[in-house]
């Protein structure tokens, strides 16, 4: 019998009902898998991940991007090789799962892909002494995310971010950003920046239209200071993925660069509070294997 390690974030919205969890155990047993469930606790995760039997077919993370980030950061502190990771996208934000999968998610597809060992090697972003799998950002959307209550996120999901943003937009202040890349430095006042590993962040597709999970590059999206009317008029282009040719947007790809901003500016890393400035970015090319279908 083969093993699956299931890392369970009980705070994730779809985990709390228990319905999907019971279905996972039943379907996994029918496929011949023995599931070892591990609670999402930082104190036990390193030992639990290190003690993977040789016949562990996958480490399955039940939660969103924030949960996955914790697992990735814990796993990369351990000695390789690592079992492939798989995702039960049951969190508020499931952007990485949307970037990874080529078809709509279902438990049957996931378990079948684990049984067939259908893997995809993906890049991992590094910033200072931490890792990220999907996005690092600062500015308007990050301030919204950090000021939106957990209960509101769980009750209405990603819509909570946009509602909170609409309420606070008039009070938002841009900040000065310095960019160091390819031996040159440039500065500008910005409303937002996102450093993307995939195309999607915050539930918005095609923010990084040229992004690939395995190209050895990060995609950087910077929205220059535009004011409230300018930001509102840019939204349709962002949603359509047509923003990269707009004069208010700087978009580039790079495998190594640095960003500097005032210390008051908070950052976000895969939905969790990120490191302070300055931020030094690099890429671990095809560092981890994920179950994909």
C-alpha atoms as a PDB file:
ATOM      1  CA  UNK A   1       0.000   0.000   0.000  1.00  0.00           C
ATOM      2  CA  UNK A   2       1.238   3.497  -0.894  1.00  0.00           C
ATOM      3  CA  UNK A   3       1.098   6.477   1.437  1.00  0.00           C
ATOM      4  CA  UNK A   4      -0.273   9.996   1.074  1.00  0.00           C
ATOM      5  CA  UNK A   5       0.598  12.611   3.668  1.00  0.00           C
ATOM      6  CA  UNK A   6      -2.297  15.039   4.061  1.00  0.00           C
ATOM      7  CA  UNK A   7      -1.416  18.410   5.609  1.00  0.00           C
ATOM      8  CA  UNK A   8      -4.679  19.855   6.852  1.00  0.00           C
ATOM      9  CA  UNK A   9      -5.252  23.563   7.488  1.00  0.00           C
ATOM     10  CA  UNK A  10      -8.450  23.467   9.525  1.00  0.00           C
ATOM     11  CA  UNK A  11      -8.921  27.231   9.067  1.00  0.00           C
ATOM     12  CA  UNK A  12      -9.484  26.780   5.320  1.00  0.00           C
ATOM     13  CA  UNK A  13     -13.132  27.400   4.441  1.00  0.00           C
ATOM     14  CA  UNK A  14     -13.892  24.150   2.620  1.00  0.00           C
ATOM     15  CA  UNK A  15     -12.146  22.032   5.251  1.00  0.00           C
ATOM     16  CA  UNK A  16     -14.435  23.203   8.028  1.00  0.00           C
ATOM     17  CA  UNK A  17     -17.543  21.570   6.601  1.00  0.00           C
ATOM     18  CA  UNK A  18     -15.855  18.160   6.614  1.00  0.00           C
ATOM     19  CA  UNK A  19     -17.813  17.058   3.542  1.00  0.00           C
ATOM     20  CA  UNK A  20     -14.954  17.282   1.074  1.00  0.00           C
ATOM     21  CA  UNK A  21     -12.516  15.815   3.601  1.00  0.00           C
ATOM     22  CA  UNK A  22     -14.620  12.679   4.092  1.00  0.00           C
ATOM     23  CA  UNK A  23     -14.902  12.298   0.335  1.00  0.00           C
ATOM     24  CA  UNK A  24     -11.116  12.530  -0.017  1.00  0.00           C
ATOM     25  CA  UNK A  25     -10.525   9.704   2.486  1.00  0.00           C
ATOM     26  CA  UNK A  26     -13.107   7.453   0.851  1.00  0.00           C
ATOM     27  CA  UNK A  27     -11.823   8.006  -2.679  1.00  0.00           C
ATOM     28  CA  UNK A  28      -8.169   7.659  -1.594  1.00  0.00           C
ATOM     29  CA  UNK A  29      -8.901   4.303   0.064  1.00  0.00           C
ATOM     30  CA  UNK A  30     -10.565   3.049  -3.126  1.00  0.00           C
ATOM     31  CA  UNK A  31      -7.383   3.942  -5.031  1.00  0.00           C
ATOM     32  CA  UNK A  32      -5.326   1.884  -2.570  1.00  0.00           C
ATOM     33  CA  UNK A  33      -3.765   4.806  -0.683  1.00  0.00           C
ATOM     34  CA  UNK A  34      -3.228   4.959   3.044  1.00  0.00           C
ATOM     35  CA  UNK A  35      -3.670   8.572   4.177  1.00  0.00           C
ATOM     36  CA  UNK A  36      -1.697   9.960   7.105  1.00  0.00           C
ATOM     37  CA  UNK A  37      -3.318  13.207   8.254  1.00  0.00           C
ATOM     38  CA  UNK A  38      -1.080  15.868   9.799  1.00  0.00           C
ATOM     39  CA  UNK A  39      -2.484  19.022  11.422  1.00  0.00           C
ATOM     40  CA  UNK A  40      -1.202  22.350  10.169  1.00  0.00           C
ATOM     41  CA  UNK A  41       1.080  23.197  13.089  1.00  0.00           C
ATOM     42  CA  UNK A  42       4.465  24.849  12.626  1.00  0.00           C
ATOM     43  CA  UNK A  43       5.970  22.968  15.599  1.00  0.00           C
ATOM     44  CA  UNK A  44       5.430  19.505  14.088  1.00  0.00           C
ATOM     45  CA  UNK A  45       5.659  20.131  10.339  1.00  0.00           C
ATOM     46  CA  UNK A  46       9.462  19.736   9.916  1.00  0.00           C
ATOM     47  CA  UNK A  47       9.560  16.345  11.642  1.00  0.00           C
ATOM     48  CA  UNK A  48       6.396  15.169   9.885  1.00  0.00           C
ATOM     49  CA  UNK A  49       7.712  16.112   6.440  1.00  0.00           C
ATOM     50  CA  UNK A  50      11.169  14.697   7.081  1.00  0.00           C
ATOM     51  CA  UNK A  51       9.707  11.324   8.111  1.00  0.00           C
ATOM     52  CA  UNK A  52       8.234  10.440   4.722  1.00  0.00           C
ATOM     53  CA  UNK A  53       8.370   6.706   3.956  1.00  0.00           C
ATOM     54  CA  UNK A  54       9.966   5.802   0.626  1.00  0.00           C
ATOM     55  CA  UNK A  55       6.584   4.791  -0.757  1.00  0.00           C
ATOM     56  CA  UNK A  56       5.011   8.204  -0.030  1.00  0.00           C
ATOM     57  CA  UNK A  57       3.364   9.087  -3.325  1.00  0.00           C
ATOM     58  CA  UNK A  58       2.553  12.727  -2.495  1.00  0.00           C
ATOM     59  CA  UNK A  59       2.320  15.385   0.189  1.00  0.00           C
ATOM     60  CA  UNK A  60      -1.184  16.770  -0.222  1.00  0.00           C
ATOM     61  CA  UNK A  61      -1.823  20.287   1.107  1.00  0.00           C
ATOM     62  CA  UNK A  62      -5.452  21.070   1.965  1.00  0.00           C
ATOM     63  CA  UNK A  63      -5.729  24.841   1.998  1.00  0.00           C
ATOM     64  CA  UNK A  64      -4.916  27.921  -0.025  1.00  0.00           C
ATOM     65  CA  UNK A  65      -1.785  29.722  -1.179  1.00  0.00           C
ATOM     66  CA  UNK A  66      -0.807  30.718   2.357  1.00  0.00           C
ATOM     67  CA  UNK A  67      -0.943  27.098   3.545  1.00  0.00           C
ATOM     68  CA  UNK A  68       1.100  25.947   0.566  1.00  0.00           C
ATOM     69  CA  UNK A  69       3.677  28.642   1.244  1.00  0.00           C
ATOM     70  CA  UNK A  70       4.234  27.342   4.770  1.00  0.00           C
ATOM     71  CA  UNK A  71       4.776  23.812   3.466  1.00  0.00           C
ATOM     72  CA  UNK A  72       7.178  24.945   0.730  1.00  0.00           C
ATOM     73  CA  UNK A  73       9.249  27.014   3.174  1.00  0.00           C
ATOM     74  CA  UNK A  74       9.362  24.127   5.648  1.00  0.00           C
ATOM     75  CA  UNK A  75      10.179  21.506   3.013  1.00  0.00           C
ATOM     76  CA  UNK A  76      13.059  23.475   1.494  1.00  0.00           C
ATOM     77  CA  UNK A  77      14.785  23.590   4.880  1.00  0.00           C
ATOM     78  CA  UNK A  78      14.999  19.780   4.778  1.00  0.00           C
ATOM     79  CA  UNK A  79      17.289  17.503   2.820  1.00  0.00           C
ATOM     80  CA  UNK A  80      16.126  16.372  -0.648  1.00  0.00           C
ATOM     81  CA  UNK A  81      14.750  14.377  -2.337  1.00  0.00           C
ATOM     82  CA  UNK A  82      11.211  15.585  -1.691  1.00  0.00           C
ATOM     83  CA  UNK A  83       8.003  13.721  -2.520  1.00  0.00           C
ATOM     84  CA  UNK A  84       5.840  15.600  -5.035  1.00  0.00           C
ATOM     85  CA  UNK A  85       3.392  18.122  -3.630  1.00  0.00           C
ATOM     86  CA  UNK A  86      -0.304  18.075  -4.473  1.00  0.00           C
ATOM     87  CA  UNK A  87      -3.010  20.621  -3.708  1.00  0.00           C
ATOM     88  CA  UNK A  88      -6.546  20.397  -2.428  1.00  0.00           C
ATOM     89  CA  UNK A  89      -7.495  24.031  -3.279  1.00  0.00           C
ATOM     90  CA  UNK A  90      -9.714  24.691  -0.290  1.00  0.00           C
ATOM     91  CA  UNK A  91      -8.467  28.115   0.812  1.00  0.00           C
ATOM     92  CA  UNK A  92      -9.631  31.672   0.229  1.00  0.00           C
ATOM     93  CA  UNK A  93      -7.007  32.226  -2.460  1.00  0.00           C
ATOM     94  CA  UNK A  94      -6.082  29.288  -4.692  1.00  0.00           C
ATOM     95  CA  UNK A  95      -4.137  31.152  -7.362  1.00  0.00           C
ATOM     96  CA  UNK A  96      -1.221  28.742  -7.575  1.00  0.00           C
ATOM     97  CA  UNK A  97      -3.528  25.784  -8.124  1.00  0.00           C
ATOM     98  CA  UNK A  98      -5.162  27.684 -10.986  1.00  0.00           C
ATOM     99  CA  UNK A  99      -1.732  28.375 -12.498  1.00  0.00           C
ATOM    100  CA  UNK A 100      -0.605  24.766 -12.101  1.00  0.00           C
ATOM    101  CA  UNK A 101      -3.568  22.740 -13.314  1.00  0.00           C
ATOM    102  CA  UNK A 102      -4.448  22.396 -16.969  1.00  0.00           C
ATOM    103  CA  UNK A 103      -8.040  21.325 -16.320  1.00  0.00           C
ATOM    104  CA  UNK A 104     -10.754  21.877 -13.698  1.00  0.00           C
ATOM    105  CA  UNK A 105      -9.987  20.395 -10.288  1.00  0.00           C
ATOM    106  CA  UNK A 106     -11.687  17.277  -8.983  1.00  0.00           C
ATOM    107  CA  UNK A 107     -10.735  14.744  -6.309  1.00  0.00           C
ATOM    108  CA  UNK A 108     -10.897  11.921  -8.829  1.00  0.00           C
ATOM    109  CA  UNK A 109      -8.493  13.698 -11.194  1.00  0.00           C
ATOM    110  CA  UNK A 110      -6.092  14.481  -8.349  1.00  0.00           C
ATOM    111  CA  UNK A 111      -5.987  10.920  -7.004  1.00  0.00           C
ATOM    112  CA  UNK A 112      -5.662   9.465 -10.493  1.00  0.00           C
ATOM    113  CA  UNK A 113      -2.732  11.815 -11.207  1.00  0.00           C
ATOM    114  CA  UNK A 114      -1.054  10.761  -7.931  1.00  0.00           C
ATOM    115  CA  UNK A 115      -1.538   7.092  -8.840  1.00  0.00           C
ATOM    116  CA  UNK A 116      -0.012   7.721 -12.287  1.00  0.00           C
ATOM    117  CA  UNK A 117       2.774   9.904 -10.813  1.00  0.00           C
ATOM    118  CA  UNK A 118       1.943  12.765 -13.182  1.00  0.00           C
ATOM    119  CA  UNK A 119       4.414  15.414 -12.095  1.00  0.00           C
ATOM    120  CA  UNK A 120       5.394  18.890 -13.189  1.00  0.00           C
ATOM    121  CA  UNK A 121       8.643  20.527 -12.050  1.00  0.00           C
ATOM    122  CA  UNK A 122       8.074  24.190 -11.139  1.00  0.00           C
ATOM    123  CA  UNK A 123      10.150  27.179 -10.127  1.00  0.00           C
ATOM    124  CA  UNK A 124      10.238  28.538  -6.596  1.00  0.00           C
ATOM    125  CA  UNK A 125      10.817  32.232  -5.984  1.00  0.00           C
ATOM    126  CA  UNK A 126      13.256  33.359  -3.297  1.00  0.00           C
ATOM    127  CA  UNK A 127      13.133  36.741  -1.581  1.00  0.00           C
ATOM    128  CA  UNK A 128      15.662  37.548   1.144  1.00  0.00           C
ATOM    129  CA  UNK A 129      15.619  34.441   3.361  1.00  0.00           C
ATOM    130  CA  UNK A 130      12.145  33.198   2.390  1.00  0.00           C
ATOM    131  CA  UNK A 131      10.538  31.333  -0.487  1.00  0.00           C
ATOM    132  CA  UNK A 132       7.308  31.951  -2.377  1.00  0.00           C
ATOM    133  CA  UNK A 133       5.363  29.878  -4.831  1.00  0.00           C
ATOM    134  CA  UNK A 134       3.003  32.441  -6.370  1.00  0.00           C
ATOM    135  CA  UNK A 135       3.397  36.145  -5.604  1.00  0.00           C
ATOM    136  CA  UNK A 136       5.083  38.836  -3.540  1.00  0.00           C
ATOM    137  CA  UNK A 137       3.578  42.317  -3.578  1.00  0.00           C
ATOM    138  CA  UNK A 138       3.211  45.681  -1.916  1.00  0.00           C
ATOM    139  CA  UNK A 139       0.865  48.605  -2.318  1.00  0.00           C
ATOM    140  CA  UNK A 140      -2.845  48.990  -2.759  1.00  0.00           C
ATOM    141  CA  UNK A 141      -4.002  45.353  -2.983  1.00  0.00           C
ATOM    142  CA  UNK A 142      -1.629  44.296  -0.214  1.00  0.00           C
ATOM    143  CA  UNK A 143      -2.962  46.956   2.142  1.00  0.00           C
ATOM    144  CA  UNK A 144      -6.470  45.747   1.318  1.00  0.00           C
ATOM    145  CA  UNK A 145      -5.559  42.110   2.046  1.00  0.00           C
ATOM    146  CA  UNK A 146      -3.926  42.940   5.377  1.00  0.00           C
ATOM    147  CA  UNK A 147      -6.909  45.018   6.515  1.00  0.00           C
ATOM    148  CA  UNK A 148      -9.661  42.588   5.533  1.00  0.00           C
ATOM    149  CA  UNK A 149     -10.993  40.474   8.401  1.00  0.00           C
ATOM    150  CA  UNK A 150     -10.590  36.696   8.254  1.00  0.00           C
ATOM    151  CA  UNK A 151     -14.312  36.205   8.861  1.00  0.00           C
ATOM    152  CA  UNK A 152     -15.154  38.425   5.879  1.00  0.00           C
ATOM    153  CA  UNK A 153     -12.709  36.535   3.660  1.00  0.00           C
ATOM    154  CA  UNK A 154     -14.242  33.215   4.669  1.00  0.00           C
ATOM    155  CA  UNK A 155     -17.821  34.382   4.175  1.00  0.00           C
ATOM    156  CA  UNK A 156     -17.480  35.931   0.712  1.00  0.00           C
ATOM    157  CA  UNK A 157     -14.005  34.841  -0.420  1.00  0.00           C
ATOM    158  CA  UNK A 158     -11.931  36.936  -2.816  1.00  0.00           C
ATOM    159  CA  UNK A 159     -14.774  39.417  -3.269  1.00  0.00           C
ATOM    160  CA  UNK A 160     -13.899  40.667   0.224  1.00  0.00           C
ATOM    161  CA  UNK A 161     -10.618  42.059  -1.062  1.00  0.00           C
ATOM    162  CA  UNK A 162     -12.274  44.096  -3.780  1.00  0.00           C
ATOM    163  CA  UNK A 163     -15.049  45.424  -1.528  1.00  0.00           C
ATOM    164  CA  UNK A 164     -12.538  46.522   1.089  1.00  0.00           C
ATOM    165  CA  UNK A 165     -10.388  48.071  -1.621  1.00  0.00           C
ATOM    166  CA  UNK A 166     -13.291  50.070  -3.009  1.00  0.00           C
ATOM    167  CA  UNK A 167     -14.002  51.465   0.457  1.00  0.00           C
ATOM    168  CA  UNK A 168     -10.397  52.480   1.164  1.00  0.00           C
ATOM    169  CA  UNK A 169      -9.224  53.592  -2.283  1.00  0.00           C
ATOM    170  CA  UNK A 170      -9.605  57.375  -1.651  1.00  0.00           C
ATOM    171  CA  UNK A 171      -7.266  57.163   1.374  1.00  0.00           C
ATOM    172  CA  UNK A 172      -4.480  55.268  -0.345  1.00  0.00           C
ATOM    173  CA  UNK A 173      -1.044  56.896  -0.758  1.00  0.00           C
ATOM    174  CA  UNK A 174       1.562  55.813  -3.374  1.00  0.00           C
ATOM    175  CA  UNK A 175       5.198  55.174  -2.448  1.00  0.00           C
ATOM    176  CA  UNK A 176       8.671  55.574  -3.971  1.00  0.00           C
ATOM    177  CA  UNK A 177      10.132  52.385  -5.444  1.00  0.00           C
ATOM    178  CA  UNK A 178      13.731  51.830  -6.561  1.00  0.00           C
ATOM    179  CA  UNK A 179      14.390  48.945  -8.970  1.00  0.00           C
ATOM    180  CA  UNK A 180      17.841  47.428  -9.480  1.00  0.00           C
ATOM    181  CA  UNK A 181      18.141  45.013 -12.426  1.00  0.00           C
ATOM    182  CA  UNK A 182      20.590  44.173 -15.196  1.00  0.00           C
ATOM    183  CA  UNK A 183      23.210  46.573 -13.841  1.00  0.00           C
ATOM    184  CA  UNK A 184      20.961  49.647 -13.814  1.00  0.00           C
ATOM    185  CA  UNK A 185      18.723  51.463 -11.330  1.00  0.00           C
ATOM    186  CA  UNK A 186      15.468  53.328 -11.859  1.00  0.00           C
ATOM    187  CA  UNK A 187      13.045  55.025  -9.475  1.00  0.00           C
ATOM    188  CA  UNK A 188       9.367  55.895  -9.691  1.00  0.00           C
ATOM    189  CA  UNK A 189       6.303  56.559  -7.556  1.00  0.00           C
ATOM    190  CA  UNK A 190       4.017  53.530  -7.642  1.00  0.00           C
ATOM    191  CA  UNK A 191       0.605  52.412  -6.465  1.00  0.00           C
ATOM    192  CA  UNK A 192       1.353  48.704  -6.555  1.00  0.00           C
ATOM    193  CA  UNK A 193       3.896  46.081  -7.508  1.00  0.00           C
ATOM    194  CA  UNK A 194       3.544  42.326  -7.869  1.00  0.00           C
ATOM    195  CA  UNK A 195       6.326  39.801  -8.412  1.00  0.00           C
ATOM    196  CA  UNK A 196       4.681  36.777  -9.984  1.00  0.00           C
ATOM    197  CA  UNK A 197       5.704  33.176 -10.521  1.00  0.00           C
ATOM    198  CA  UNK A 198       2.488  32.430 -12.444  1.00  0.00           C
ATOM    199  CA  UNK A 199      -0.114  34.397 -14.347  1.00  0.00           C
ATOM    200  CA  UNK A 200      -2.726  34.822 -11.587  1.00  0.00           C
ATOM    201  CA  UNK A 201      -2.850  36.697  -8.275  1.00  0.00           C
ATOM    202  CA  UNK A 202      -5.771  37.802  -6.124  1.00  0.00           C
ATOM    203  CA  UNK A 203      -8.134  35.808  -8.327  1.00  0.00           C
ATOM    204  CA  UNK A 204      -7.279  38.018 -11.319  1.00  0.00           C
ATOM    205  CA  UNK A 205      -6.064  36.020 -14.318  1.00  0.00           C
ATOM    206  CA  UNK A 206      -3.378  37.175 -16.741  1.00  0.00           C
ATOM    207  CA  UNK A 207      -1.738  39.726 -14.453  1.00  0.00           C
ATOM    208  CA  UNK A 208       1.486  38.125 -15.653  1.00  0.00           C
ATOM    209  CA  UNK A 209       0.508  37.233 -19.229  1.00  0.00           C
ATOM    210  CA  UNK A 210       4.004  36.003 -20.115  1.00  0.00           C
ATOM    211  CA  UNK A 211       4.549  34.034 -16.922  1.00  0.00           C
ATOM    212  CA  UNK A 212       5.353  30.318 -16.861  1.00  0.00           C
ATOM    213  CA  UNK A 213       5.887  28.217 -13.750  1.00  0.00           C
ATOM    214  CA  UNK A 214       9.009  26.590 -15.171  1.00  0.00           C
ATOM    215  CA  UNK A 215      10.783  29.290 -17.231  1.00  0.00           C
ATOM    216  CA  UNK A 216      13.395  30.244 -14.626  1.00  0.00           C
ATOM    217  CA  UNK A 217      12.067  33.824 -14.483  1.00  0.00           C
ATOM    218  CA  UNK A 218       9.842  35.968 -12.304  1.00  0.00           C
ATOM    219  CA  UNK A 219       7.360  38.403 -13.852  1.00  0.00           C
ATOM    220  CA  UNK A 220       7.278  41.892 -12.343  1.00  0.00           C
ATOM    221  CA  UNK A 221       4.166  44.051 -12.661  1.00  0.00           C
ATOM    222  CA  UNK A 222       4.444  47.659 -11.439  1.00  0.00           C
ATOM    223  CA  UNK A 223       1.566  50.121 -11.599  1.00  0.00           C
ATOM    224  CA  UNK A 224       2.932  53.645 -11.544  1.00  0.00           C
ATOM    225  CA  UNK A 225       1.295  56.440  -9.559  1.00  0.00           C
ATOM    226  CA  UNK A 226      -1.990  57.008 -11.377  1.00  0.00           C
ATOM    227  CA  UNK A 227      -4.450  58.501  -8.883  1.00  0.00           C
ATOM    228  CA  UNK A 228      -7.888  57.117  -8.157  1.00  0.00           C
ATOM    229  CA  UNK A 229      -9.413  57.850 -11.609  1.00  0.00           C
ATOM    230  CA  UNK A 230      -6.373  56.372 -13.342  1.00  0.00           C
ATOM    231  CA  UNK A 231      -6.471  53.204 -11.247  1.00  0.00           C
ATOM    232  CA  UNK A 232     -10.171  52.716 -11.866  1.00  0.00           C
ATOM    233  CA  UNK A 233      -9.738  53.183 -15.619  1.00  0.00           C
ATOM    234  CA  UNK A 234      -6.887  50.628 -15.616  1.00  0.00           C
ATOM    235  CA  UNK A 235      -8.987  47.863 -14.043  1.00  0.00           C
ATOM    236  CA  UNK A 236     -10.635  46.678 -17.314  1.00  0.00           C
ATOM    237  CA  UNK A 237      -7.212  46.349 -18.946  1.00  0.00           C
ATOM    238  CA  UNK A 238      -5.905  44.376 -15.950  1.00  0.00           C
ATOM    239  CA  UNK A 239      -8.868  42.020 -16.048  1.00  0.00           C
ATOM    240  CA  UNK A 240      -8.440  41.507 -19.797  1.00  0.00           C
ATOM    241  CA  UNK A 241      -4.658  41.038 -19.609  1.00  0.00           C
ATOM    242  CA  UNK A 242      -4.025  44.040 -21.885  1.00  0.00           C
ATOM    243  CA  UNK A 243      -2.202  46.177 -19.326  1.00  0.00           C
ATOM    244  CA  UNK A 244       1.424  45.464 -20.260  1.00  0.00           C
ATOM    245  CA  UNK A 245       1.365  48.002 -23.122  1.00  0.00           C
ATOM    246  CA  UNK A 246      -0.165  50.748 -20.973  1.00  0.00           C
ATOM    247  CA  UNK A 247       2.125  53.695 -20.152  1.00  0.00           C
ATOM    248  CA  UNK A 248       1.057  53.494 -16.494  1.00  0.00           C
ATOM    249  CA  UNK A 249       2.470  49.966 -16.219  1.00  0.00           C
ATOM    250  CA  UNK A 250       6.027  48.631 -16.100  1.00  0.00           C
ATOM    251  CA  UNK A 251       6.221  44.921 -16.846  1.00  0.00           C
ATOM    252  CA  UNK A 252       9.396  42.863 -17.158  1.00  0.00           C
ATOM    253  CA  UNK A 253      10.830  39.391 -16.572  1.00  0.00           C
ATOM    254  CA  UNK A 254      14.034  38.654 -14.692  1.00  0.00           C
ATOM    255  CA  UNK A 255      15.737  35.892 -12.713  1.00  0.00           C
ATOM    256  CA  UNK A 256      17.488  38.270 -10.291  1.00  0.00           C
ATOM    257  CA  UNK A 257      16.712  41.847  -9.152  1.00  0.00           C
ATOM    258  CA  UNK A 258      16.187  44.023  -6.055  1.00  0.00           C
ATOM    259  CA  UNK A 259      13.465  46.423  -4.921  1.00  0.00           C
ATOM    260  CA  UNK A 260      13.826  49.229  -2.391  1.00  0.00           C
ATOM    261  CA  UNK A 261      11.015  51.200  -0.727  1.00  0.00           C
ATOM    262  CA  UNK A 262      10.334  53.054   2.548  1.00  0.00           C
ATOM    263  CA  UNK A 263      10.247  50.830   5.640  1.00  0.00           C
ATOM    264  CA  UNK A 264       6.609  51.791   6.320  1.00  0.00           C
ATOM    265  CA  UNK A 265       5.482  49.883   3.228  1.00  0.00           C
ATOM    266  CA  UNK A 266       4.260  46.393   4.139  1.00  0.00           C
ATOM    267  CA  UNK A 267       4.755  43.442   1.828  1.00  0.00           C
ATOM    268  CA  UNK A 268       2.694  40.328   1.215  1.00  0.00           C
ATOM    269  CA  UNK A 269       4.080  36.880   0.390  1.00  0.00           C
ATOM    270  CA  UNK A 270       1.561  34.296  -0.884  1.00  0.00           C
ATOM    271  CA  UNK A 271      -1.188  35.840   1.203  1.00  0.00           C
ATOM    272  CA  UNK A 272       0.889  36.153   4.382  1.00  0.00           C
ATOM    273  CA  UNK A 273       2.888  39.059   5.783  1.00  0.00           C
ATOM    274  CA  UNK A 274       6.102  39.346   3.791  1.00  0.00           C
ATOM    275  CA  UNK A 275       9.671  40.442   4.618  1.00  0.00           C
ATOM    276  CA  UNK A 276      10.740  44.091   5.021  1.00  0.00           C
ATOM    277  CA  UNK A 277      12.543  46.114   2.349  1.00  0.00           C
ATOM    278  CA  UNK A 278      14.979  45.920   0.673  1.00  0.00           C
ATOM    279  CA  UNK A 279      13.809  42.853  -1.232  1.00  0.00           C
ATOM    280  CA  UNK A 280      16.345  40.734  -3.112  1.00  0.00           C
ATOM    281  CA  UNK A 281      14.756  38.290  -5.574  1.00  0.00           C
ATOM    282  CA  UNK A 282      16.059  35.169  -7.300  1.00  0.00           C
ATOM    283  CA  UNK A 283      14.662  31.936  -8.761  1.00  0.00           C
ATOM    284  CA  UNK A 284      15.182  28.268  -7.902  1.00  0.00           C
ATOM    285  CA  UNK A 285      14.607  26.772 -11.353  1.00  0.00           C
ATOM    286  CA  UNK A 286      12.332  23.692 -11.383  1.00  0.00           C
ATOM    287  CA  UNK A 287      13.032  23.190  -7.678  1.00  0.00           C
ATOM    288  CA  UNK A 288       9.897  21.258  -6.662  1.00  0.00           C
ATOM    289  CA  UNK A 289       7.667  18.659  -8.283  1.00  0.00           C
ATOM    290  CA  UNK A 290       3.890  19.056  -8.153  1.00  0.00           C
ATOM    291  CA  UNK A 291       1.160  16.629  -9.104  1.00  0.00           C
ATOM    292  CA  UNK A 292      -0.564  18.157 -12.133  1.00  0.00           C
ATOM    293  CA  UNK A 293      -3.311  17.239 -14.570  1.00  0.00           C
END
